[in-house]
Protein backbone atom coordinates (compact mmCIF):
# COMPACT_ATOMS: atom_id res chain seq x y z
CA MET A 1 0.35 0.06 -0.16
CA THR A 2 2.01 3.11 -0.71
CA ILE A 3 1.07 7.10 0.59
CA PHE A 4 -1.42 7.84 -2.41
CA HIS A 5 -3.10 4.58 -2.21
CA GLY A 6 -6.12 5.95 -0.03
CA LEU A 7 -6.30 9.54 -2.75
CA ASN A 8 -6.41 6.37 -5.49
CA ASN A 9 -9.22 5.20 -4.50
CA SER A 10 -11.10 7.95 -3.78
CA ALA A 11 -10.28 8.98 -7.29
CA SER A 12 -11.68 6.30 -8.44
CA ALA A 13 -15.50 6.28 -6.50
CA LEU A 14 -15.28 10.11 -8.02
CA THR A 15 -15.11 8.35 -11.55
CA ALA A 16 -17.69 6.05 -11.18
CA GLN A 17 -19.89 8.38 -9.78
CA ARG A 18 -19.41 10.84 -12.37
CA LEU A 19 -20.42 8.47 -14.92
CA ARG A 20 -23.34 6.98 -12.92
CA MET A 21 -24.68 10.95 -12.79
CA ASP A 22 -24.58 11.04 -16.85
CA VAL A 23 -25.90 8.06 -17.26
CA ILE A 24 -29.55 9.16 -14.72
CA SER A 25 -29.48 12.27 -16.85
CA SER A 26 -29.53 10.62 -20.03
CA ASN A 27 -31.62 8.67 -18.61
CA MET A 28 -33.86 11.77 -16.77
CA ALA A 29 -33.43 13.88 -20.60
CA ASN A 30 -35.39 10.20 -22.49
CA VAL A 31 -38.08 10.25 -20.63
CA ASP A 32 -40.69 11.45 -22.83
CA THR A 33 -38.17 8.92 -26.09
CA THR A 34 -40.64 7.37 -27.71
CA ARG A 35 -38.21 6.59 -30.78
CA GLY A 36 -34.87 5.09 -29.00
CA GLU A 37 -33.87 2.28 -30.80
CA TYR A 38 -35.21 1.10 -34.50
CA VAL A 39 -35.14 -2.72 -34.74
CA ASN A 40 -36.30 -5.22 -37.20
CA GLY A 41 -38.77 -2.61 -38.71
CA GLU A 42 -40.20 -1.18 -35.39
CA TRP A 43 -39.33 1.97 -33.10
CA GLN A 44 -38.91 1.29 -29.30
CA PRO A 45 -38.69 3.56 -27.16
CA TYR A 46 -35.80 4.14 -25.01
CA LYS A 47 -35.05 2.23 -22.48
CA ARG A 48 -33.44 2.79 -18.86
CA LYS A 49 -29.25 2.99 -18.83
CA MET A 50 -27.91 1.24 -15.18
CA VAL A 51 -24.43 1.89 -13.91
CA VAL A 52 -22.46 -1.69 -12.54
CA THR A 53 -19.56 -1.10 -10.33
CA GLN A 54 -17.04 -4.00 -8.88
CA GLU A 55 -14.14 -3.94 -6.94
CA ASN A 56 -11.07 -2.60 -8.91
CA GLU A 57 -8.84 -6.31 -8.69
CA GLY A 58 -7.24 -5.17 -12.39
CA GLN A 59 -3.09 -5.45 -11.30
CA PHE A 60 -0.82 -7.53 -10.21
CA THR A 61 0.24 -5.08 -7.41
CA ASN A 62 -3.67 -4.33 -6.16
CA LEU A 63 -4.14 -8.81 -5.68
CA LEU A 64 -1.10 -8.40 -3.74
CA ASN A 65 -1.97 -6.08 -1.81
CA LYS A 66 -5.43 -7.52 -0.72
CA ALA A 67 -4.09 -10.87 -0.13
CA MET A 68 -1.70 -9.38 2.41
CA ASP A 69 -3.86 -7.44 4.42
CA LYS A 70 -7.86 -8.62 3.50
CA ASN A 71 -9.14 -4.98 4.88
CA ALA A 72 -7.30 -2.98 1.32
CA GLY A 73 -9.45 -1.59 -0.71
CA ASN A 74 -8.29 -1.49 -4.61
CA GLY A 75 -11.07 0.91 -5.67
CA VAL A 76 -13.72 0.65 -7.75
CA LYS A 77 -14.23 0.34 -11.30
CA VAL A 78 -17.19 0.63 -13.72
CA ALA A 79 -17.86 -2.98 -14.86
CA ARG A 80 -20.75 -1.84 -18.25
CA ILE A 81 -23.91 0.22 -18.04
CA VAL A 82 -26.62 -2.47 -18.85
CA GLU A 83 -30.65 -1.55 -19.46
CA ASP A 84 -33.58 -1.94 -17.29
CA ASN A 85 -35.94 -4.66 -18.62
CA THR A 86 -38.85 -3.60 -16.64
CA PRO A 87 -41.87 -3.29 -19.40
CA THR A 88 -42.12 0.24 -20.61
CA LYS A 89 -46.26 1.50 -19.89
CA LEU A 90 -48.95 2.22 -22.00
CA VAL A 91 -50.40 5.33 -22.27
CA PHE A 92 -53.52 6.67 -23.52
CA ASN A 93 -52.95 9.10 -26.46
CA PRO A 94 -54.26 8.94 -30.13
CA GLU A 95 -53.34 12.40 -31.51
CA HIS A 96 -49.98 10.89 -30.48
CA PRO A 97 -47.85 9.41 -34.43
CA ASP A 98 -46.55 6.76 -32.62
CA ALA A 99 -49.71 5.39 -31.09
CA ASN A 100 -51.00 2.35 -32.22
CA ASP A 101 -54.69 1.45 -33.80
CA GLU A 102 -56.11 1.90 -30.69
CA GLY A 103 -54.39 5.08 -29.35
CA PHE A 104 -52.06 3.61 -27.14
CA VAL A 105 -48.66 4.60 -27.22
CA GLU A 106 -46.06 2.71 -25.52
CA MET A 107 -43.72 5.02 -23.47
CA PRO A 108 -40.24 4.01 -21.63
CA ASN A 109 -39.61 2.31 -18.13
CA VAL A 110 -37.53 5.85 -16.98
CA ASP A 111 -39.36 6.92 -13.72
CA PRO A 112 -38.45 9.87 -12.77
CA LEU A 113 -38.89 9.63 -8.97
CA LYS A 114 -36.27 6.50 -9.18
CA GLU A 115 -34.01 8.37 -11.90
CA MET A 116 -34.11 11.87 -8.89
CA VAL A 117 -33.53 9.31 -5.53
CA ASP A 118 -30.34 7.59 -7.64
CA LEU A 119 -29.22 11.08 -8.46
CA ILE A 120 -29.05 12.05 -4.99
CA SER A 121 -27.47 8.91 -4.30
CA ALA A 122 -25.02 9.23 -6.65
CA THR A 123 -24.41 12.91 -5.58
CA ARG A 124 -23.99 12.29 -1.66
CA SER A 125 -21.12 9.37 -2.29
CA TYR A 126 -19.44 12.03 -4.53
CA GLU A 127 -19.62 14.42 -2.24
CA ALA A 128 -18.53 11.54 0.44
CA ASN A 129 -15.50 11.14 -1.92
CA VAL A 130 -14.09 14.92 -1.95
CA THR A 131 -14.15 14.58 1.65
CA VAL A 132 -12.29 11.98 2.06
CA PHE A 133 -9.89 13.05 -1.08
CA ASN A 134 -9.66 16.40 0.85
CA ALA A 135 -8.91 14.37 4.00
CA SER A 136 -5.94 12.39 2.61
CA LYS A 137 -4.61 15.53 0.80
CA GLY A 138 -4.29 17.32 4.22
CA LEU A 139 -2.28 14.54 5.87
CA LEU A 140 -0.06 13.99 3.45
CA MET A 141 0.65 18.00 3.16
CA LYS A 142 0.85 17.61 7.37
CA SER A 143 3.02 15.40 7.17
CA LEU A 144 5.57 17.11 4.62
CA GLU A 145 5.25 19.68 7.63
CA ILE A 146 7.03 17.22 9.69
CA GLY A 147 10.57 17.56 8.15
CA LYS A 148 10.06 21.30 8.56
């Protein structure tokens, strides 16, 4: 474990939370997008996307540190962005250009309330990691003053 280990962990978490906020804002922007993807000659509504994170354990030094100290973390990385498979909503709007013969429009599976809860969670996680990063930086700065 190096002196920058805490900074690296916080930086990886900041990157992951920033991407999570970007995906959430994309979901919110497409809450009414009925033409999200063209599949088999038909437009499909936008599908909600979610960020999947996992522990960062790609390098040998990370695996060695984990083997030597089981409590040492290696940070986090984004594993992938997946689509939510919850069913879309049917809304009665016969005036809509994408309405079917019965007057129903297939709307995206994005729930603004759920997105706002996720956004608050991602924002709080980001803020907490900024606090940890600044505390670690402060400790490193104080340790440089020891030799004065």
